C-alpha atoms as a PDB file:
ATOM      1  CA  UNK A   1      -0.352   0.014  -0.217  1.00  0.00           C
ATOM      2  CA  UNK A   2       2.973   2.364   0.748  1.00  0.00           C
ATOM      3  CA  UNK A   3       4.773   1.374  -2.248  1.00  0.00           C
ATOM      4  CA  UNK A   4       2.877   3.205  -4.699  1.00  0.00           C
ATOM      5  CA  UNK A   5       3.011   6.627  -3.267  1.00  0.00           C
ATOM      6  CA  UNK A   6       6.698   6.050  -2.387  1.00  0.00           C
ATOM      7  CA  UNK A   7       7.579   5.413  -6.037  1.00  0.00           C
ATOM      8  CA  UNK A   8       5.358   8.518  -6.810  1.00  0.00           C
ATOM      9  CA  UNK A   9       7.131  10.883  -4.751  1.00  0.00           C
ATOM     10  CA  UNK A  10      10.880   9.426  -5.338  1.00  0.00           C
ATOM     11  CA  UNK A  11      10.178  10.308  -9.105  1.00  0.00           C
ATOM     12  CA  UNK A  12       8.691  13.651  -8.140  1.00  0.00           C
ATOM     13  CA  UNK A  13      12.196  14.780  -6.039  1.00  0.00           C
ATOM     14  CA  UNK A  14      13.939  13.200  -8.816  1.00  0.00           C
ATOM     15  CA  UNK A  15      12.566  15.222 -11.092  1.00  0.00           C
ATOM     16  CA  UNK A  16      13.080  18.769  -9.280  1.00  0.00           C
ATOM     17  CA  UNK A  17      16.633  17.445  -8.756  1.00  0.00           C
ATOM     18  CA  UNK A  18      16.903  17.502 -12.038  1.00  0.00           C
ATOM     19  CA  UNK A  19      15.322  20.903 -12.709  1.00  0.00           C
ATOM     20  CA  UNK A  20      17.756  22.311  -9.414  1.00  0.00           C
ATOM     21  CA  UNK A  21      20.640  21.144 -10.998  1.00  0.00           C
ATOM     22  CA  UNK A  22      20.063  22.950 -14.607  1.00  0.00           C
ATOM     23  CA  UNK A  23      18.982  26.146 -12.680  1.00  0.00           C
ATOM     24  CA  UNK A  24      22.355  25.872 -11.166  1.00  0.00           C
ATOM     25  CA  UNK A  25      24.503  25.275 -14.105  1.00  0.00           C
ATOM     26  CA  UNK A  26      22.948  27.914 -16.070  1.00  0.00           C
ATOM     27  CA  UNK A  27      23.073  30.267 -12.986  1.00  0.00           C
ATOM     28  CA  UNK A  28      26.021  29.383 -11.436  1.00  0.00           C
ATOM     29  CA  UNK A  29      28.287  28.494 -15.060  1.00  0.00           C
ATOM     30  CA  UNK A  30      30.188  25.966 -13.614  1.00  0.00           C
ATOM     31  CA  UNK A  31      31.888  28.346 -10.457  1.00  0.00           C
ATOM     32  CA  UNK A  32      30.283  26.433  -7.747  1.00  0.00           C
ATOM     33  CA  UNK A  33      29.902  22.671  -6.607  1.00  0.00           C
ATOM     34  CA  UNK A  34      25.589  23.388  -6.390  1.00  0.00           C
ATOM     35  CA  UNK A  35      25.644  21.118  -9.624  1.00  0.00           C
ATOM     36  CA  UNK A  36      27.866  18.507  -8.806  1.00  0.00           C
ATOM     37  CA  UNK A  37      26.050  18.148  -5.149  1.00  0.00           C
ATOM     38  CA  UNK A  38      22.563  17.906  -7.327  1.00  0.00           C
ATOM     39  CA  UNK A  39      24.027  15.479  -9.515  1.00  0.00           C
ATOM     40  CA  UNK A  40      24.684  13.260  -6.332  1.00  0.00           C
ATOM     41  CA  UNK A  41      21.087  13.403  -4.895  1.00  0.00           C
ATOM     42  CA  UNK A  42      19.948  12.863  -8.274  1.00  0.00           C
ATOM     43  CA  UNK A  43      21.778   9.601  -7.780  1.00  0.00           C
ATOM     44  CA  UNK A  44      20.825   8.313  -4.880  1.00  0.00           C
ATOM     45  CA  UNK A  45      17.014   9.123  -5.478  1.00  0.00           C
ATOM     46  CA  UNK A  46      17.746   7.226  -8.688  1.00  0.00           C
ATOM     47  CA  UNK A  47      19.134   4.587  -6.554  1.00  0.00           C
ATOM     48  CA  UNK A  48      16.028   4.836  -4.407  1.00  0.00           C
ATOM     49  CA  UNK A  49      13.656   4.559  -7.069  1.00  0.00           C
ATOM     50  CA  UNK A  50      15.541   1.161  -8.573  1.00  0.00           C
ATOM     51  CA  UNK A  51      15.672  -0.222  -5.199  1.00  0.00           C
ATOM     52  CA  UNK A  52      11.932   0.380  -4.699  1.00  0.00           C
ATOM     53  CA  UNK A  53      10.741  -0.888  -8.011  1.00  0.00           C
ATOM     54  CA  UNK A  54      12.886  -4.238  -7.642  1.00  0.00           C
ATOM     55  CA  UNK A  55      11.470  -4.995  -4.152  1.00  0.00           C
ATOM     56  CA  UNK A  56       8.003  -4.447  -5.362  1.00  0.00           C
ATOM     57  CA  UNK A  57       8.678  -6.546  -8.327  1.00  0.00           C
ATOM     58  CA  UNK A  58      10.411  -9.533  -5.854  1.00  0.00           C
ATOM     59  CA  UNK A  59       7.510  -9.207  -3.238  1.00  0.00           C
ATOM     60  CA  UNK A  60       4.185  -9.119  -6.026  1.00  0.00           C
ATOM     61  CA  UNK A  61       3.329  -5.722  -5.249  1.00  0.00           C
ATOM     62  CA  UNK A  62       4.013  -4.505  -8.564  1.00  0.00           C
ATOM     63  CA  UNK A  63       3.619  -6.772 -12.005  1.00  0.00           C
ATOM     64  CA  UNK A  64       3.539  -6.383 -15.286  1.00  0.00           C
ATOM     65  CA  UNK A  65       0.316  -6.118 -17.144  1.00  0.00           C
ATOM     66  CA  UNK A  66       1.435  -5.718 -20.589  1.00  0.00           C
ATOM     67  CA  UNK A  67      -0.123  -7.835 -23.203  1.00  0.00           C
ATOM     68  CA  UNK A  68       3.189  -9.319 -24.620  1.00  0.00           C
ATOM     69  CA  UNK A  69       4.171 -10.095 -21.101  1.00  0.00           C
ATOM     70  CA  UNK A  70       4.411 -13.837 -20.623  1.00  0.00           C
ATOM     71  CA  UNK A  71       3.155 -13.959 -17.243  1.00  0.00           C
ATOM     72  CA  UNK A  72      -0.092 -11.662 -18.577  1.00  0.00           C
ATOM     73  CA  UNK A  73      -0.818 -14.152 -21.365  1.00  0.00           C
ATOM     74  CA  UNK A  74      -0.670 -17.144 -19.387  1.00  0.00           C
ATOM     75  CA  UNK A  75      -2.919 -15.580 -16.532  1.00  0.00           C
ATOM     76  CA  UNK A  76      -6.165 -14.893 -18.846  1.00  0.00           C
ATOM     77  CA  UNK A  77      -8.521 -17.897 -19.268  1.00  0.00           C
ATOM     78  CA  UNK A  78      -9.654 -16.733 -22.717  1.00  0.00           C
ATOM     79  CA  UNK A  79      -5.985 -17.096 -24.516  1.00  0.00           C
ATOM     80  CA  UNK A  80      -5.760 -20.646 -23.115  1.00  0.00           C
ATOM     81  CA  UNK A  81      -9.109 -21.925 -24.562  1.00  0.00           C
ATOM     82  CA  UNK A  82      -8.374 -21.067 -27.543  1.00  0.00           C
ATOM     83  CA  UNK A  83      -5.395 -22.825 -27.768  1.00  0.00           C
END
């Protein structure tokens, strides 16, 4: 229940960090280390996001519902009857 909101919040924070890094790059022109710190925050948030998605897939909280997914085609009884 907490996993999907955590993924959305982490993604939003990642986009905000990306935008702030761009602002720091344009404003400072490389004279300060704010752009580098923003990159560190962005990499950390990306690692957290990958970890949350991986945890969700491993525990079964997140699953693919794509039509080409092997798990999705085996679960639909209509496709099994037509074979």
